[in-house]
């Protein structure tokens, strides 16, 4: 099956991602977002279980797929972000990496 390229993004608002450690031990390495022309990363060395990293701005764009990688595992995970997806939560668990996108601010979430 042929993959379709990411469609048009109309807005130009701020996009940010952060990492949540759901493992039983401190993390090592970095979590990286990239597309065909840009790359942004968060150093997660020492991020303790149940902890959240700082937020990192990134720049998704029309026509460019969004890739996520935890350097300790080395695989790219594709999950595209669109206009309303202002925040991406990257979870690292015993099972690997997961990405959740949302338009709501993490400052409003109840933990």
C-alpha atoms as a PDB file:
ATOM      1  CA  UNK A   1       0.000   0.000   0.000  1.00  0.00           C
ATOM      2  CA  UNK A   2       1.392   3.415  -0.969  1.00  0.00           C
ATOM      3  CA  UNK A   3       1.901   5.931   1.844  1.00  0.00           C
ATOM      4  CA  UNK A   4       0.220   9.269   1.322  1.00  0.00           C
ATOM      5  CA  UNK A   5       2.317  12.371   1.996  1.00  0.00           C
ATOM      6  CA  UNK A   6       1.187  14.636   4.832  1.00  0.00           C
ATOM      7  CA  UNK A   7      -1.451  17.170   3.745  1.00  0.00           C
ATOM      8  CA  UNK A   8      -1.675  20.935   4.040  1.00  0.00           C
ATOM      9  CA  UNK A   9      -1.280  22.688   7.373  1.00  0.00           C
ATOM     10  CA  UNK A  10      -3.035  26.047   7.339  1.00  0.00           C
ATOM     11  CA  UNK A  11      -1.920  27.536  10.648  1.00  0.00           C
ATOM     12  CA  UNK A  12       1.466  28.578  11.883  1.00  0.00           C
ATOM     13  CA  UNK A  13       0.939  28.335  15.632  1.00  0.00           C
ATOM     14  CA  UNK A  14       3.396  27.134  18.255  1.00  0.00           C
ATOM     15  CA  UNK A  15       3.917  23.374  18.573  1.00  0.00           C
ATOM     16  CA  UNK A  16       5.659  21.771  21.568  1.00  0.00           C
ATOM     17  CA  UNK A  17       6.484  18.256  22.705  1.00  0.00           C
ATOM     18  CA  UNK A  18       7.593  16.771  26.006  1.00  0.00           C
ATOM     19  CA  UNK A  19       8.522  13.333  27.340  1.00  0.00           C
ATOM     20  CA  UNK A  20       6.887  11.305  30.123  1.00  0.00           C
ATOM     21  CA  UNK A  21       8.905   8.445  31.645  1.00  0.00           C
ATOM     22  CA  UNK A  22       6.587   5.473  32.266  1.00  0.00           C
ATOM     23  CA  UNK A  23       9.406   2.971  32.840  1.00  0.00           C
ATOM     24  CA  UNK A  24      10.744   1.587  36.133  1.00  0.00           C
ATOM     25  CA  UNK A  25      14.147   3.280  35.819  1.00  0.00           C
ATOM     26  CA  UNK A  26      15.785   6.540  34.792  1.00  0.00           C
ATOM     27  CA  UNK A  27      15.992   7.175  31.053  1.00  0.00           C
ATOM     28  CA  UNK A  28      19.100   7.672  28.957  1.00  0.00           C
ATOM     29  CA  UNK A  29      19.576   9.235  25.556  1.00  0.00           C
ATOM     30  CA  UNK A  30      17.412  11.764  23.750  1.00  0.00           C
ATOM     31  CA  UNK A  31      13.971  11.948  22.215  1.00  0.00           C
ATOM     32  CA  UNK A  32      14.073  13.457  18.725  1.00  0.00           C
ATOM     33  CA  UNK A  33      11.398  14.899  16.457  1.00  0.00           C
ATOM     34  CA  UNK A  34      12.327  15.334  12.801  1.00  0.00           C
ATOM     35  CA  UNK A  35      10.917  15.861   9.332  1.00  0.00           C
ATOM     36  CA  UNK A  36      12.625  16.258   5.964  1.00  0.00           C
ATOM     37  CA  UNK A  37      14.138  19.634   6.858  1.00  0.00           C
ATOM     38  CA  UNK A  38      14.281  20.098  10.655  1.00  0.00           C
ATOM     39  CA  UNK A  39      15.188  18.255  13.854  1.00  0.00           C
ATOM     40  CA  UNK A  40      14.585  19.079  17.532  1.00  0.00           C
ATOM     41  CA  UNK A  41      15.464  16.975  20.562  1.00  0.00           C
ATOM     42  CA  UNK A  42      15.101  16.694  24.330  1.00  0.00           C
ATOM     43  CA  UNK A  43      17.901  15.214  26.441  1.00  0.00           C
ATOM     44  CA  UNK A  44      16.208  12.678  28.734  1.00  0.00           C
ATOM     45  CA  UNK A  45      19.348  11.430  30.534  1.00  0.00           C
ATOM     46  CA  UNK A  46      18.382  10.880  34.162  1.00  0.00           C
ATOM     47  CA  UNK A  47      14.636  11.512  33.706  1.00  0.00           C
ATOM     48  CA  UNK A  48      13.192   9.543  36.616  1.00  0.00           C
ATOM     49  CA  UNK A  49      10.148   7.207  36.485  1.00  0.00           C
ATOM     50  CA  UNK A  50       6.903   9.165  36.610  1.00  0.00           C
ATOM     51  CA  UNK A  51       8.691  12.396  35.666  1.00  0.00           C
ATOM     52  CA  UNK A  52       8.010  14.824  32.842  1.00  0.00           C
ATOM     53  CA  UNK A  53      10.684  16.598  30.776  1.00  0.00           C
ATOM     54  CA  UNK A  54      10.759  20.251  29.807  1.00  0.00           C
ATOM     55  CA  UNK A  55       8.755  21.263  26.735  1.00  0.00           C
ATOM     56  CA  UNK A  56      10.541  21.666  23.400  1.00  0.00           C
ATOM     57  CA  UNK A  57       9.163  23.713  20.498  1.00  0.00           C
ATOM     58  CA  UNK A  58       9.170  22.040  17.079  1.00  0.00           C
ATOM     59  CA  UNK A  59       8.002  22.975  13.587  1.00  0.00           C
ATOM     60  CA  UNK A  60       5.787  20.516  11.708  1.00  0.00           C
ATOM     61  CA  UNK A  61       5.089  21.564   8.115  1.00  0.00           C
ATOM     62  CA  UNK A  62       2.841  20.748   5.177  1.00  0.00           C
ATOM     63  CA  UNK A  63       4.078  17.918   2.994  1.00  0.00           C
ATOM     64  CA  UNK A  64       6.598  16.639   5.563  1.00  0.00           C
ATOM     65  CA  UNK A  65       5.933  13.559   7.680  1.00  0.00           C
ATOM     66  CA  UNK A  66       6.691  13.817  11.399  1.00  0.00           C
ATOM     67  CA  UNK A  67       9.068  11.238  12.877  1.00  0.00           C
ATOM     68  CA  UNK A  68       9.830  10.550  16.537  1.00  0.00           C
ATOM     69  CA  UNK A  69      12.764   8.575  17.909  1.00  0.00           C
ATOM     70  CA  UNK A  70      14.146   7.599  21.294  1.00  0.00           C
ATOM     71  CA  UNK A  71      17.880   7.275  20.609  1.00  0.00           C
ATOM     72  CA  UNK A  72      18.214   4.300  22.970  1.00  0.00           C
ATOM     73  CA  UNK A  73      16.000   2.191  20.702  1.00  0.00           C
ATOM     74  CA  UNK A  74      16.967   3.704  17.356  1.00  0.00           C
ATOM     75  CA  UNK A  75      13.700   3.180  15.472  1.00  0.00           C
ATOM     76  CA  UNK A  76      11.725   6.024  13.875  1.00  0.00           C
ATOM     77  CA  UNK A  77       8.063   6.188  14.787  1.00  0.00           C
ATOM     78  CA  UNK A  78       5.841   8.170  12.423  1.00  0.00           C
ATOM     79  CA  UNK A  79       2.901  10.155  13.743  1.00  0.00           C
ATOM     80  CA  UNK A  80       1.940  13.311  11.888  1.00  0.00           C
ATOM     81  CA  UNK A  81       0.938  16.509  13.672  1.00  0.00           C
ATOM     82  CA  UNK A  82      -1.529  18.955  12.175  1.00  0.00           C
ATOM     83  CA  UNK A  83      -2.671  22.542  12.850  1.00  0.00           C
ATOM     84  CA  UNK A  84      -4.713  21.850  15.980  1.00  0.00           C
ATOM     85  CA  UNK A  85      -2.162  19.442  17.463  1.00  0.00           C
ATOM     86  CA  UNK A  86      -0.324  22.061  19.516  1.00  0.00           C
ATOM     87  CA  UNK A  87       1.205  19.575  21.980  1.00  0.00           C
ATOM     88  CA  UNK A  88       2.691  16.123  21.595  1.00  0.00           C
ATOM     89  CA  UNK A  89       3.201  13.880  24.616  1.00  0.00           C
ATOM     90  CA  UNK A  90       5.966  11.361  23.972  1.00  0.00           C
ATOM     91  CA  UNK A  91       5.681   8.421  26.364  1.00  0.00           C
ATOM     92  CA  UNK A  92       8.554   6.051  27.027  1.00  0.00           C
ATOM     93  CA  UNK A  93       7.463   2.792  28.640  1.00  0.00           C
ATOM     94  CA  UNK A  94       8.762  -0.755  28.996  1.00  0.00           C
ATOM     95  CA  UNK A  95       7.142  -1.358  25.587  1.00  0.00           C
ATOM     96  CA  UNK A  96       8.905   1.507  23.779  1.00  0.00           C
ATOM     97  CA  UNK A  97       7.861   4.915  22.504  1.00  0.00           C
ATOM     98  CA  UNK A  98       4.358   6.262  22.009  1.00  0.00           C
ATOM     99  CA  UNK A  99       3.158   9.671  20.830  1.00  0.00           C
ATOM    100  CA  UNK A 100      -0.127  11.347  21.690  1.00  0.00           C
ATOM    101  CA  UNK A 101      -1.084  14.666  20.096  1.00  0.00           C
ATOM    102  CA  UNK A 102      -3.563  17.142  21.527  1.00  0.00           C
ATOM    103  CA  UNK A 103      -4.799  20.702  21.186  1.00  0.00           C
ATOM    104  CA  UNK A 104      -5.185  21.225  24.935  1.00  0.00           C
ATOM    105  CA  UNK A 105      -2.447  22.699  27.092  1.00  0.00           C
ATOM    106  CA  UNK A 106      -0.748  20.329  29.573  1.00  0.00           C
ATOM    107  CA  UNK A 107      -1.009  23.164  32.113  1.00  0.00           C
ATOM    108  CA  UNK A 108      -4.778  22.489  32.254  1.00  0.00           C
ATOM    109  CA  UNK A 109      -4.495  18.726  32.730  1.00  0.00           C
ATOM    110  CA  UNK A 110      -5.229  17.087  36.075  1.00  0.00           C
ATOM    111  CA  UNK A 111      -2.648  14.424  36.970  1.00  0.00           C
END
